[in-house]
N, C-alpha and C. Protein backbone atom coordinates (compact mmCIF):
# COMPACT_ATOMS: atom_id res chain seq x y z
N MET A 1 125.91 126.80 61.13
CA MET A 1 124.89 126.34 62.05
C MET A 1 123.91 125.43 61.32
N THR A 2 123.53 124.33 61.98
CA THR A 2 122.57 123.40 61.40
C THR A 2 121.17 123.94 61.60
N HIS A 3 120.49 124.28 60.52
CA HIS A 3 119.17 124.88 60.61
C HIS A 3 118.05 123.89 60.39
N VAL A 4 118.33 122.77 59.74
CA VAL A 4 117.25 121.85 59.35
C VAL A 4 116.71 121.14 60.59
N PRO A 5 115.42 121.34 60.91
CA PRO A 5 114.85 120.67 62.08
C PRO A 5 114.70 119.18 61.86
N SER A 6 114.75 118.42 62.95
CA SER A 6 114.50 116.99 62.90
C SER A 6 113.14 116.67 63.51
N TYR A 7 112.81 117.34 64.63
CA TYR A 7 111.51 117.19 65.27
C TYR A 7 110.70 118.46 65.06
N ASP A 8 109.39 118.31 65.05
CA ASP A 8 108.53 119.48 64.91
C ASP A 8 108.43 120.26 66.21
N ALA A 9 108.42 119.56 67.34
CA ALA A 9 108.23 120.25 68.61
C ALA A 9 108.94 119.52 69.74
N MET A 10 109.49 120.30 70.68
CA MET A 10 110.02 119.79 71.94
C MET A 10 109.26 120.50 73.05
N CYS A 11 108.67 119.72 73.95
CA CYS A 11 107.88 120.26 75.05
C CYS A 11 108.64 119.99 76.35
N VAL A 12 109.06 121.05 77.01
CA VAL A 12 109.92 120.94 78.18
C VAL A 12 109.11 121.15 79.45
N GLY A 13 109.30 120.28 80.44
CA GLY A 13 108.65 120.44 81.73
C GLY A 13 109.63 120.24 82.86
N ALA A 14 109.33 120.79 84.02
CA ALA A 14 110.17 120.56 85.18
C ALA A 14 110.05 119.12 85.65
N HIS A 15 108.81 118.58 85.60
CA HIS A 15 108.52 117.25 86.13
C HIS A 15 107.69 116.45 85.14
N PRO A 16 107.76 115.11 85.21
CA PRO A 16 106.79 114.32 84.48
C PRO A 16 105.38 114.71 84.94
N ASP A 17 104.50 114.89 84.04
CA ASP A 17 103.09 115.29 84.14
C ASP A 17 102.87 116.78 83.89
N ASP A 18 103.93 117.62 83.93
CA ASP A 18 103.75 119.05 83.66
C ASP A 18 103.25 119.30 82.24
N VAL A 19 103.89 118.67 81.27
CA VAL A 19 103.50 118.87 79.87
C VAL A 19 102.10 118.33 79.64
N GLU A 20 101.79 117.16 80.22
CA GLU A 20 100.46 116.59 80.05
C GLU A 20 99.38 117.54 80.59
N ILE A 21 99.62 118.10 81.77
CA ILE A 21 98.64 119.00 82.38
C ILE A 21 98.49 120.27 81.56
N GLY A 22 99.60 120.84 81.11
CA GLY A 22 99.55 122.13 80.44
C GLY A 22 99.15 122.07 78.98
N MET A 23 99.60 121.04 78.26
CA MET A 23 99.35 121.01 76.81
C MET A 23 99.25 119.60 76.26
N GLY A 24 98.81 118.66 77.10
CA GLY A 24 98.74 117.27 76.66
C GLY A 24 97.84 117.06 75.47
N ALA A 25 96.72 117.78 75.41
CA ALA A 25 95.81 117.61 74.28
C ALA A 25 96.41 118.17 73.00
N ALA A 26 97.10 119.30 73.10
CA ALA A 26 97.75 119.87 71.92
C ALA A 26 98.84 118.94 71.41
N VAL A 27 99.57 118.30 72.33
CA VAL A 27 100.58 117.31 71.94
C VAL A 27 99.92 116.17 71.17
N ALA A 28 98.85 115.62 71.74
CA ALA A 28 98.15 114.52 71.07
C ALA A 28 97.66 114.95 69.69
N GLY A 29 97.17 116.19 69.58
CA GLY A 29 96.68 116.68 68.29
C GLY A 29 97.78 116.82 67.27
N MET A 30 98.93 117.36 67.69
CA MET A 30 100.07 117.50 66.77
C MET A 30 100.48 116.14 66.23
N ILE A 31 100.57 115.16 67.13
CA ILE A 31 101.03 113.83 66.73
C ILE A 31 99.98 113.16 65.84
N ARG A 32 98.71 113.34 66.17
CA ARG A 32 97.64 112.76 65.35
C ARG A 32 97.70 113.30 63.92
N ARG A 33 98.16 114.52 63.77
CA ARG A 33 98.26 115.11 62.43
C ARG A 33 99.62 114.87 61.78
N GLY A 34 100.45 114.03 62.41
CA GLY A 34 101.68 113.61 61.77
C GLY A 34 102.96 114.28 62.25
N ALA A 35 102.89 115.12 63.29
CA ALA A 35 104.08 115.81 63.78
C ALA A 35 104.93 114.89 64.64
N LYS A 36 106.23 115.17 64.69
CA LYS A 36 107.15 114.47 65.57
C LYS A 36 107.36 115.35 66.81
N VAL A 37 107.03 114.79 67.98
CA VAL A 37 107.08 115.56 69.22
C VAL A 37 107.84 114.78 70.28
N VAL A 38 108.72 115.47 71.00
CA VAL A 38 109.43 114.87 72.12
C VAL A 38 109.13 115.69 73.38
N ILE A 39 108.85 114.99 74.46
CA ILE A 39 108.66 115.60 75.77
C ILE A 39 109.95 115.44 76.55
N VAL A 40 110.43 116.52 77.15
CA VAL A 40 111.67 116.48 77.93
C VAL A 40 111.35 116.93 79.35
N ASP A 41 111.54 116.02 80.32
CA ASP A 41 111.38 116.35 81.73
C ASP A 41 112.76 116.68 82.29
N LEU A 42 112.91 117.83 82.93
CA LEU A 42 114.21 118.20 83.49
C LEU A 42 114.56 117.36 84.71
N THR A 43 113.56 116.90 85.45
CA THR A 43 113.77 116.05 86.63
C THR A 43 112.89 114.81 86.50
N ASN A 44 113.13 113.84 87.39
CA ASN A 44 112.27 112.65 87.39
C ASN A 44 111.05 112.83 88.29
N GLY A 45 110.93 114.01 88.93
CA GLY A 45 109.76 114.31 89.74
C GLY A 45 109.76 113.74 91.14
N GLU A 46 110.78 113.02 91.52
CA GLU A 46 110.80 112.39 92.85
C GLU A 46 111.86 113.05 93.74
N PRO A 47 111.59 113.07 95.07
CA PRO A 47 110.56 112.35 95.81
C PRO A 47 109.23 113.07 95.85
N THR A 48 108.16 112.28 95.97
CA THR A 48 106.81 112.79 96.23
C THR A 48 106.17 111.88 97.28
N PRO A 49 105.06 112.29 97.91
CA PRO A 49 104.50 111.52 99.01
C PRO A 49 104.13 110.08 98.67
N HIS A 50 103.65 109.84 97.44
CA HIS A 50 103.15 108.51 97.10
C HIS A 50 103.87 107.91 95.89
N GLY A 51 104.95 108.50 95.47
CA GLY A 51 105.64 108.02 94.28
C GLY A 51 106.98 107.39 94.59
N SER A 52 107.63 106.95 93.54
CA SER A 52 109.00 106.44 93.59
C SER A 52 109.60 106.66 92.21
N PRO A 53 110.93 106.68 92.10
CA PRO A 53 111.53 106.86 90.77
C PRO A 53 111.05 105.81 89.77
N GLU A 54 110.90 104.58 90.24
CA GLU A 54 110.46 103.51 89.35
C GLU A 54 109.02 103.72 88.90
N ALA A 55 108.16 104.10 89.85
CA ALA A 55 106.76 104.33 89.50
C ALA A 55 106.63 105.50 88.55
N ARG A 56 107.35 106.58 88.83
CA ARG A 56 107.23 107.76 87.97
C ARG A 56 107.74 107.46 86.56
N ALA A 57 108.80 106.68 86.45
CA ALA A 57 109.33 106.33 85.14
C ALA A 57 108.31 105.53 84.34
N ALA A 58 107.66 104.57 85.01
CA ALA A 58 106.65 103.75 84.33
C ALA A 58 105.44 104.60 83.95
N GLU A 59 105.01 105.48 84.85
CA GLU A 59 103.84 106.32 84.58
C GLU A 59 104.11 107.30 83.44
N SER A 60 105.28 107.92 83.45
CA SER A 60 105.58 108.89 82.40
C SER A 60 105.74 108.22 81.05
N ALA A 61 106.28 107.00 81.04
CA ALA A 61 106.39 106.26 79.79
C ALA A 61 105.00 105.92 79.24
N GLU A 62 104.08 105.53 80.12
CA GLU A 62 102.73 105.20 79.70
C GLU A 62 102.01 106.45 79.19
N ALA A 63 102.19 107.58 79.88
CA ALA A 63 101.55 108.82 79.45
C ALA A 63 102.03 109.22 78.06
N ALA A 64 103.34 109.11 77.83
CA ALA A 64 103.89 109.44 76.51
C ALA A 64 103.34 108.49 75.45
N ARG A 65 103.19 107.22 75.80
CA ARG A 65 102.63 106.25 74.84
C ARG A 65 101.21 106.64 74.46
N ILE A 66 100.43 107.04 75.45
CA ILE A 66 99.04 107.44 75.19
C ILE A 66 98.99 108.61 74.22
N LEU A 67 99.86 109.60 74.44
CA LEU A 67 99.87 110.78 73.57
C LEU A 67 100.54 110.49 72.23
N GLY A 68 101.44 109.50 72.20
CA GLY A 68 102.18 109.18 70.98
C GLY A 68 103.51 109.87 70.88
N ALA A 69 104.00 110.45 71.99
CA ALA A 69 105.23 111.24 71.97
C ALA A 69 106.43 110.42 72.44
N LYS A 70 107.60 110.85 71.99
CA LYS A 70 108.84 110.34 72.55
C LYS A 70 109.09 111.09 73.85
N ARG A 71 109.85 110.50 74.77
CA ARG A 71 110.10 111.15 76.06
C ARG A 71 111.55 110.98 76.49
N ARG A 72 112.11 112.06 77.06
CA ARG A 72 113.44 112.02 77.67
C ARG A 72 113.34 112.64 79.06
N THR A 73 113.97 112.00 80.04
CA THR A 73 114.03 112.54 81.39
C THR A 73 115.48 112.83 81.73
N LEU A 74 115.75 114.07 82.13
CA LEU A 74 117.12 114.51 82.40
C LEU A 74 117.47 114.31 83.87
N SER A 75 118.61 114.83 84.29
CA SER A 75 119.17 114.45 85.59
C SER A 75 119.09 115.55 86.65
N GLN A 76 118.34 116.61 86.39
CA GLN A 76 118.27 117.70 87.37
C GLN A 76 117.47 117.28 88.61
N PRO A 77 117.74 117.91 89.77
CA PRO A 77 117.10 117.48 91.02
C PRO A 77 115.70 118.07 91.22
N ASN A 78 114.73 117.20 91.48
CA ASN A 78 113.38 117.65 91.80
C ASN A 78 113.40 118.44 93.11
N ARG A 79 112.60 119.49 93.18
CA ARG A 79 112.43 120.38 94.33
C ARG A 79 113.62 121.32 94.53
N TYR A 80 114.72 121.04 93.88
CA TYR A 80 115.91 121.89 93.98
C TYR A 80 116.41 122.28 92.60
N LEU A 81 115.49 122.49 91.67
CA LEU A 81 115.84 122.84 90.31
C LEU A 81 116.21 124.32 90.26
N PHE A 82 117.39 124.61 89.72
CA PHE A 82 117.84 125.99 89.60
C PHE A 82 118.34 126.24 88.18
N ASP A 83 118.28 127.49 87.78
CA ASP A 83 118.80 127.89 86.47
C ASP A 83 120.30 128.02 86.56
N THR A 84 121.00 126.91 86.33
CA THR A 84 122.46 126.87 86.39
C THR A 84 123.02 126.63 84.99
N VAL A 85 124.30 126.89 84.85
CA VAL A 85 124.97 126.61 83.57
C VAL A 85 124.86 125.13 83.24
N GLU A 86 125.01 124.28 84.26
CA GLU A 86 124.95 122.84 84.02
C GLU A 86 123.58 122.41 83.51
N ALA A 87 122.52 122.97 84.09
CA ALA A 87 121.17 122.64 83.63
C ALA A 87 120.94 123.15 82.22
N ARG A 88 121.40 124.35 81.93
CA ARG A 88 121.24 124.90 80.58
C ARG A 88 121.96 124.02 79.56
N ILE A 89 123.16 123.59 79.88
CA ILE A 89 123.95 122.78 78.95
C ILE A 89 123.29 121.42 78.73
N GLU A 90 122.81 120.80 79.81
CA GLU A 90 122.18 119.49 79.65
C GLU A 90 121.00 119.57 78.69
N LEU A 91 120.16 120.58 78.85
CA LEU A 91 119.02 120.72 77.95
C LEU A 91 119.44 121.15 76.56
N ALA A 92 120.42 122.04 76.48
CA ALA A 92 120.90 122.50 75.17
C ALA A 92 121.42 121.33 74.33
N GLU A 93 122.09 120.40 74.97
CA GLU A 93 122.59 119.24 74.23
C GLU A 93 121.45 118.38 73.70
N VAL A 94 120.36 118.30 74.46
CA VAL A 94 119.20 117.55 73.99
C VAL A 94 118.52 118.29 72.84
N ILE A 95 118.47 119.61 72.93
CA ILE A 95 117.94 120.40 71.81
C ILE A 95 118.77 120.16 70.56
N ARG A 96 120.08 120.13 70.70
CA ARG A 96 120.96 119.89 69.55
C ARG A 96 120.76 118.48 69.00
N GLU A 97 120.38 117.54 69.86
CA GLU A 97 120.15 116.17 69.42
C GLU A 97 118.86 116.04 68.62
N TYR A 98 117.78 116.65 69.12
CA TYR A 98 116.47 116.48 68.49
C TYR A 98 116.14 117.57 67.47
N ARG A 99 116.81 118.71 67.54
CA ARG A 99 116.64 119.81 66.59
C ARG A 99 115.15 120.13 66.35
N PRO A 100 114.45 120.57 67.40
CA PRO A 100 113.02 120.87 67.24
C PRO A 100 112.80 122.20 66.53
N ARG A 101 111.82 122.23 65.66
CA ARG A 101 111.45 123.47 65.00
C ARG A 101 110.89 124.47 66.02
N THR A 102 110.13 123.96 67.00
CA THR A 102 109.46 124.81 67.98
C THR A 102 109.68 124.26 69.38
N LEU A 103 109.92 125.17 70.33
CA LEU A 103 110.03 124.81 71.74
C LEU A 103 108.78 125.27 72.48
N PHE A 104 108.26 124.41 73.35
CA PHE A 104 107.19 124.77 74.27
C PHE A 104 107.75 124.65 75.68
N VAL A 105 107.65 125.72 76.45
CA VAL A 105 108.30 125.79 77.77
C VAL A 105 107.29 126.23 78.81
N PRO A 106 107.58 126.03 80.10
CA PRO A 106 106.60 126.38 81.13
C PRO A 106 106.36 127.88 81.23
N TYR A 107 105.15 128.21 81.68
CA TYR A 107 104.79 129.59 82.00
C TYR A 107 105.69 130.07 83.13
N ALA A 108 106.16 131.31 83.05
CA ALA A 108 107.22 131.76 83.94
C ALA A 108 106.74 132.20 85.32
N ASP A 109 105.47 132.59 85.47
CA ASP A 109 104.95 133.07 86.76
C ASP A 109 104.22 131.93 87.45
N ASP A 110 104.75 131.48 88.58
CA ASP A 110 104.20 130.30 89.23
C ASP A 110 104.58 130.32 90.71
N ALA A 111 103.81 129.58 91.50
CA ALA A 111 104.14 129.40 92.91
C ALA A 111 105.21 128.34 93.11
N HIS A 112 105.39 127.46 92.12
CA HIS A 112 106.35 126.36 92.24
C HIS A 112 107.71 126.82 91.72
N PRO A 113 108.72 126.90 92.59
CA PRO A 113 110.04 127.37 92.15
C PRO A 113 110.63 126.54 91.01
N ASP A 114 110.35 125.23 90.98
CA ASP A 114 110.87 124.39 89.90
C ASP A 114 110.33 124.84 88.55
N HIS A 115 109.06 125.25 88.50
CA HIS A 115 108.47 125.68 87.24
C HIS A 115 109.08 126.99 86.76
N ILE A 116 109.33 127.89 87.70
CA ILE A 116 109.98 129.16 87.35
C ILE A 116 111.37 128.88 86.80
N ALA A 117 112.12 128.02 87.48
CA ALA A 117 113.47 127.69 87.03
C ALA A 117 113.45 126.99 85.68
N ALA A 118 112.49 126.09 85.48
CA ALA A 118 112.41 125.34 84.22
C ALA A 118 112.19 126.29 83.05
N SER A 119 111.36 127.29 83.24
CA SER A 119 111.12 128.26 82.18
C SER A 119 112.41 128.99 81.82
N ALA A 120 113.14 129.45 82.83
CA ALA A 120 114.39 130.17 82.58
C ALA A 120 115.43 129.26 81.94
N ILE A 121 115.53 128.03 82.41
CA ILE A 121 116.50 127.09 81.85
C ILE A 121 116.21 126.85 80.38
N ALA A 122 114.94 126.65 80.04
CA ALA A 122 114.57 126.33 78.66
C ALA A 122 114.86 127.49 77.72
N VAL A 123 114.54 128.72 78.15
CA VAL A 123 114.80 129.88 77.30
C VAL A 123 116.31 130.05 77.09
N ALA A 124 117.08 129.85 78.15
CA ALA A 124 118.54 129.98 78.03
C ALA A 124 119.13 128.85 77.18
N ALA A 125 118.60 127.63 77.36
CA ALA A 125 119.12 126.49 76.60
C ALA A 125 118.88 126.66 75.11
N ARG A 126 117.78 127.28 74.76
CA ARG A 126 117.52 127.57 73.34
C ARG A 126 118.67 128.40 72.76
N PHE A 127 119.14 129.37 73.53
CA PHE A 127 120.25 130.22 73.07
C PHE A 127 121.56 129.45 73.09
N TYR A 128 121.81 128.70 74.18
CA TYR A 128 123.05 127.93 74.29
C TYR A 128 123.19 126.93 73.15
N SER A 129 122.08 126.38 72.68
CA SER A 129 122.15 125.30 71.70
C SER A 129 122.76 125.74 70.37
N LYS A 130 122.86 127.04 70.13
CA LYS A 130 123.45 127.50 68.88
C LYS A 130 124.94 127.81 68.99
N PHE A 131 125.53 127.64 70.19
CA PHE A 131 126.95 127.95 70.37
C PHE A 131 127.82 127.11 69.44
N THR A 132 128.87 127.72 68.93
CA THR A 132 129.79 127.01 68.04
C THR A 132 131.09 126.61 68.74
N LYS A 133 131.74 127.51 69.40
CA LYS A 133 133.01 127.19 70.08
C LYS A 133 132.68 126.75 71.50
N THR A 134 132.41 125.46 71.64
CA THR A 134 131.93 124.91 72.91
C THR A 134 132.27 123.44 73.00
N ASP A 135 132.27 122.92 74.23
CA ASP A 135 132.49 121.49 74.45
C ASP A 135 131.18 120.71 74.43
N MET A 136 130.06 121.38 74.20
CA MET A 136 128.78 120.67 74.17
C MET A 136 128.75 119.66 73.02
N THR A 137 128.05 118.55 73.27
CA THR A 137 127.90 117.55 72.23
C THR A 137 126.85 118.02 71.21
N GLY A 138 126.95 117.50 70.00
CA GLY A 138 125.97 117.81 68.97
C GLY A 138 126.33 119.02 68.15
N GLU A 139 125.65 119.15 67.03
CA GLU A 139 125.87 120.27 66.12
C GLU A 139 125.03 121.47 66.55
N PRO A 140 125.53 122.68 66.36
CA PRO A 140 124.76 123.88 66.72
C PRO A 140 123.40 123.89 66.04
N PHE A 141 122.41 124.34 66.81
CA PHE A 141 121.04 124.42 66.29
C PHE A 141 120.27 125.46 67.09
N PHE A 142 119.36 126.16 66.42
CA PHE A 142 118.54 127.17 67.10
C PHE A 142 117.08 126.94 66.74
N ALA A 143 116.24 126.67 67.73
CA ALA A 143 114.81 126.47 67.49
C ALA A 143 114.19 127.76 66.99
N GLN A 144 113.39 127.67 65.94
CA GLN A 144 112.87 128.86 65.28
C GLN A 144 111.83 129.60 66.11
N ARG A 145 111.02 128.85 66.88
CA ARG A 145 109.93 129.47 67.61
C ARG A 145 109.89 128.94 69.04
N ILE A 146 109.34 129.76 69.94
CA ILE A 146 109.23 129.36 71.34
C ILE A 146 107.93 129.92 71.92
N TYR A 147 107.20 129.07 72.63
CA TYR A 147 105.95 129.46 73.26
C TYR A 147 105.90 128.89 74.67
N ARG A 148 105.15 129.56 75.54
CA ARG A 148 104.93 129.05 76.89
C ARG A 148 103.54 128.42 76.98
N TYR A 149 103.45 127.33 77.73
CA TYR A 149 102.17 126.71 78.07
C TYR A 149 101.94 126.91 79.57
N MET A 150 100.72 126.72 80.03
CA MET A 150 100.38 127.00 81.42
C MET A 150 100.04 125.72 82.18
N ALA A 151 100.87 125.39 83.18
CA ALA A 151 100.58 124.30 84.12
C ALA A 151 101.08 124.78 85.48
N VAL A 152 100.32 125.71 86.08
CA VAL A 152 100.82 126.44 87.23
C VAL A 152 100.12 126.03 88.52
N HIS A 153 100.76 126.34 89.64
CA HIS A 153 100.22 126.05 90.97
C HIS A 153 99.49 127.24 91.55
N MET A 154 99.34 128.30 90.79
CA MET A 154 98.58 129.46 91.22
C MET A 154 97.28 129.52 90.44
N ARG A 155 96.24 130.01 91.08
CA ARG A 155 94.97 130.19 90.40
C ARG A 155 94.97 131.58 89.77
N VAL A 156 95.50 131.66 88.58
CA VAL A 156 95.66 132.94 87.91
C VAL A 156 94.92 132.92 86.57
N ILE A 157 94.56 134.10 86.14
CA ILE A 157 93.98 134.28 84.81
C ILE A 157 94.95 135.14 84.02
N ALA A 158 95.42 134.63 82.91
CA ALA A 158 96.36 135.36 82.07
C ALA A 158 95.82 135.41 80.65
N GLU A 159 96.14 136.48 79.96
CA GLU A 159 95.66 136.63 78.59
C GLU A 159 96.61 135.92 77.63
N PRO A 160 96.17 134.86 76.98
CA PRO A 160 97.06 134.11 76.10
C PRO A 160 97.26 134.81 74.76
N SER A 161 98.33 134.45 74.09
CA SER A 161 98.54 134.92 72.72
C SER A 161 97.57 134.24 71.77
N PHE A 162 97.28 132.97 72.05
CA PHE A 162 96.29 132.23 71.26
C PHE A 162 95.83 131.02 72.05
N ILE A 163 94.69 130.49 71.68
CA ILE A 163 94.13 129.28 72.28
C ILE A 163 94.01 128.23 71.18
N VAL A 164 94.44 127.02 71.49
CA VAL A 164 94.33 125.92 70.53
C VAL A 164 93.06 125.12 70.84
N ASP A 165 92.29 124.87 69.81
CA ASP A 165 91.09 124.03 69.94
C ASP A 165 91.53 122.58 70.11
N VAL A 166 91.32 122.03 71.31
CA VAL A 166 91.75 120.66 71.59
C VAL A 166 90.56 119.76 71.89
N THR A 167 89.40 120.14 71.40
CA THR A 167 88.18 119.39 71.70
C THR A 167 88.33 117.90 71.39
N ASP A 168 88.89 117.60 70.22
CA ASP A 168 88.98 116.20 69.79
C ASP A 168 90.03 115.41 70.58
N ASP A 169 91.00 116.11 71.18
CA ASP A 169 92.12 115.42 71.82
C ASP A 169 92.11 115.53 73.35
N LEU A 170 91.06 116.15 73.91
CA LEU A 170 90.97 116.22 75.36
C LEU A 170 90.90 114.85 76.01
N PRO A 171 90.18 113.85 75.44
CA PRO A 171 90.17 112.53 76.07
C PRO A 171 91.57 111.93 76.20
N ALA A 172 92.43 112.11 75.21
CA ALA A 172 93.79 111.57 75.29
C ALA A 172 94.57 112.27 76.41
N LYS A 173 94.39 113.58 76.55
CA LYS A 173 95.05 114.32 77.63
C LYS A 173 94.63 113.77 78.99
N MET A 174 93.33 113.57 79.18
CA MET A 174 92.85 113.10 80.46
C MET A 174 93.31 111.67 80.75
N GLU A 175 93.40 110.84 79.71
CA GLU A 175 93.91 109.48 79.90
C GLU A 175 95.38 109.51 80.28
N ALA A 176 96.14 110.41 79.66
CA ALA A 176 97.56 110.52 79.99
C ALA A 176 97.75 111.00 81.42
N ILE A 177 96.95 111.95 81.87
CA ILE A 177 97.05 112.42 83.25
C ILE A 177 96.69 111.30 84.22
N ALA A 178 95.69 110.50 83.87
CA ALA A 178 95.28 109.38 84.72
C ALA A 178 96.38 108.34 84.86
N ALA A 179 97.32 108.30 83.91
CA ALA A 179 98.43 107.35 84.00
C ALA A 179 99.32 107.62 85.22
N TYR A 180 99.29 108.86 85.73
CA TYR A 180 100.10 109.21 86.89
C TYR A 180 99.34 108.88 88.18
N ARG A 181 99.12 107.62 88.41
CA ARG A 181 98.33 107.18 89.57
C ARG A 181 98.97 107.61 90.88
N SER A 182 100.28 107.53 90.98
CA SER A 182 100.94 107.87 92.25
C SER A 182 100.73 109.33 92.62
N GLN A 183 100.50 110.17 91.62
CA GLN A 183 100.37 111.60 91.87
C GLN A 183 98.93 112.04 92.09
N PHE A 184 97.99 111.31 91.54
CA PHE A 184 96.59 111.75 91.56
C PHE A 184 95.68 110.73 92.24
N ALA A 185 95.45 109.60 91.63
CA ALA A 185 94.52 108.62 92.21
C ALA A 185 94.96 108.15 93.59
N ASP A 186 96.28 107.96 93.79
CA ASP A 186 96.79 107.44 95.05
C ASP A 186 97.11 108.52 96.07
N ASN A 187 96.94 109.78 95.70
CA ASN A 187 97.25 110.89 96.59
C ASN A 187 95.97 111.66 96.89
N PRO A 188 95.40 111.47 98.07
CA PRO A 188 94.13 112.13 98.39
C PRO A 188 94.17 113.65 98.22
N ALA A 189 95.33 114.25 98.45
CA ALA A 189 95.44 115.70 98.34
C ALA A 189 95.26 116.18 96.91
N ASN A 190 95.48 115.29 95.94
CA ASN A 190 95.42 115.67 94.52
C ASN A 190 94.26 115.02 93.78
N ASN A 191 93.31 114.45 94.51
CA ASN A 191 92.22 113.73 93.84
C ASN A 191 91.42 114.61 92.89
N GLY A 192 91.37 115.92 93.14
CA GLY A 192 90.56 116.80 92.31
C GLY A 192 91.30 117.44 91.16
N VAL A 193 92.58 117.11 90.98
CA VAL A 193 93.37 117.78 89.96
C VAL A 193 92.84 117.49 88.56
N ALA A 194 92.54 116.24 88.27
CA ALA A 194 92.08 115.89 86.92
C ALA A 194 90.80 116.63 86.57
N ASP A 195 89.87 116.69 87.52
CA ASP A 195 88.62 117.41 87.26
C ASP A 195 88.90 118.89 87.01
N PHE A 196 89.81 119.47 87.79
CA PHE A 196 90.14 120.88 87.61
C PHE A 196 90.77 121.13 86.25
N VAL A 197 91.66 120.23 85.82
CA VAL A 197 92.30 120.37 84.51
C VAL A 197 91.26 120.33 83.40
N GLN A 198 90.31 119.41 83.51
CA GLN A 198 89.26 119.33 82.48
C GLN A 198 88.39 120.58 82.49
N GLN A 199 88.05 121.08 83.67
CA GLN A 199 87.25 122.30 83.76
C GLN A 199 87.99 123.49 83.16
N GLN A 200 89.30 123.56 83.39
CA GLN A 200 90.09 124.63 82.79
C GLN A 200 90.06 124.55 81.28
N ALA A 201 90.23 123.33 80.75
CA ALA A 201 90.21 123.16 79.29
C ALA A 201 88.87 123.60 78.72
N GLU A 202 87.80 123.28 79.41
CA GLU A 202 86.47 123.67 78.93
C GLU A 202 86.28 125.18 79.04
N ALA A 203 86.86 125.79 80.08
CA ALA A 203 86.75 127.24 80.23
C ALA A 203 87.52 127.97 79.14
N TRP A 204 88.73 127.50 78.85
CA TRP A 204 89.50 128.12 77.75
C TRP A 204 88.78 127.89 76.43
N GLY A 205 88.19 126.71 76.27
CA GLY A 205 87.45 126.45 75.04
C GLY A 205 86.26 127.38 74.89
N ALA A 206 85.58 127.68 76.00
CA ALA A 206 84.43 128.57 75.94
C ALA A 206 84.83 129.95 75.43
N LEU A 207 86.02 130.40 75.81
CA LEU A 207 86.50 131.70 75.33
C LEU A 207 86.67 131.69 73.81
N GLY A 208 87.05 130.53 73.29
CA GLY A 208 87.25 130.41 71.84
C GLY A 208 86.06 129.83 71.10
N ARG A 209 84.94 129.67 71.80
CA ARG A 209 83.72 129.13 71.21
C ARG A 209 83.91 127.71 70.67
N VAL A 210 84.70 126.93 71.41
CA VAL A 210 84.91 125.51 71.07
C VAL A 210 84.71 124.71 72.35
N GLY A 211 84.75 123.38 72.21
CA GLY A 211 84.49 122.52 73.36
C GLY A 211 85.58 122.54 74.42
N ALA A 212 86.84 122.62 74.01
CA ALA A 212 87.96 122.62 74.95
C ALA A 212 89.14 123.33 74.31
N GLY A 213 89.93 123.99 75.12
CA GLY A 213 91.08 124.72 74.60
C GLY A 213 92.26 124.68 75.54
N GLU A 214 93.44 124.94 75.01
CA GLU A 214 94.66 125.10 75.80
C GLU A 214 95.31 126.42 75.40
N PRO A 215 95.72 127.24 76.40
CA PRO A 215 96.28 128.55 76.09
C PRO A 215 97.80 128.49 75.88
N PHE A 216 98.29 129.37 75.01
CA PHE A 216 99.72 129.48 74.77
C PHE A 216 100.12 130.95 74.75
N PHE A 217 101.38 131.20 75.11
CA PHE A 217 101.87 132.55 75.28
C PHE A 217 103.15 132.71 74.47
N ALA A 218 103.14 133.62 73.52
CA ALA A 218 104.28 133.82 72.63
C ALA A 218 105.30 134.73 73.29
N LEU A 219 106.57 134.35 73.25
CA LEU A 219 107.65 135.20 73.74
C LEU A 219 108.08 136.20 72.69
N GLU A 220 107.80 135.87 71.43
CA GLU A 220 108.16 136.73 70.31
C GLU A 220 106.93 136.90 69.43
N PRO A 221 106.86 137.95 68.61
CA PRO A 221 105.67 138.14 67.77
C PRO A 221 105.42 136.93 66.88
N VAL A 222 104.15 136.58 66.75
CA VAL A 222 103.75 135.49 65.88
C VAL A 222 103.58 136.04 64.48
N THR A 223 104.33 135.49 63.53
CA THR A 223 104.29 135.97 62.14
C THR A 223 103.40 135.06 61.30
N LEU A 224 102.49 135.65 60.58
CA LEU A 224 101.59 134.90 59.70
C LEU A 224 102.01 135.05 58.25
N ARG A 225 101.70 134.06 57.44
CA ARG A 225 101.98 134.16 56.01
C ARG A 225 101.03 135.14 55.34
N GLY A 226 99.90 135.38 55.97
CA GLY A 226 98.92 136.30 55.45
C GLY A 226 97.67 136.24 56.31
N LEU A 227 96.74 137.13 56.07
CA LEU A 227 95.52 137.12 56.85
C LEU A 227 94.69 135.88 56.61
N ASP A 228 94.98 135.16 55.54
CA ASP A 228 94.29 133.89 55.30
C ASP A 228 94.50 132.93 56.45
N ASP A 229 95.61 133.07 57.19
CA ASP A 229 95.86 132.20 58.34
C ASP A 229 94.88 132.47 59.47
N LEU A 230 94.20 133.59 59.43
CA LEU A 230 93.28 133.97 60.51
C LEU A 230 91.82 133.78 60.13
N ILE A 231 91.53 133.54 58.87
CA ILE A 231 90.13 133.50 58.46
C ILE A 231 89.75 132.13 57.90
């Protein structure tokens, strides 16, 4: 099995803008500090009331440019995303291509069925990516760590495993979200989303006594090299 990572992080979302909403500032911070990060959208996010495939492609490319990340958009169907073998394999092959040290996947409890499915697909694809006797393209690889980020359609409060201080990178997150004009500025129903996202970041930051934060949820115990990592 190929263990050597090529990318530091792969951030998986059901739709373009999911990663930006849930962890866009953390992505910008990782890249600012020299990490290699790829965003993978399982669908192109269309159809939507004010969007088009062409508009969403241009918007997602601009958002990735703002954050500094590479981006891949896969072929799964928006609004009809299911945890199928085909979806698992498509993502597993991308994992084998980029060999990320860490996977970031959607929070599993959500009102949006696509987000629930995306979380299950990503967790399964992590396992599939290490298969040896398979027709999948690429060399076997297993991401060492996996965490969930929160970009949900429910107003829920969940206890995170940790909060990342994103005070310095919140402006980049908000600029990346603003790149999705068809979803926010041009859609009256979503005009307040950006303000809500910023308020959430400030609320999570307040819990950590910083200006802004993003919450993450560990699927497996977080191992430290020592207590020095905490002090």
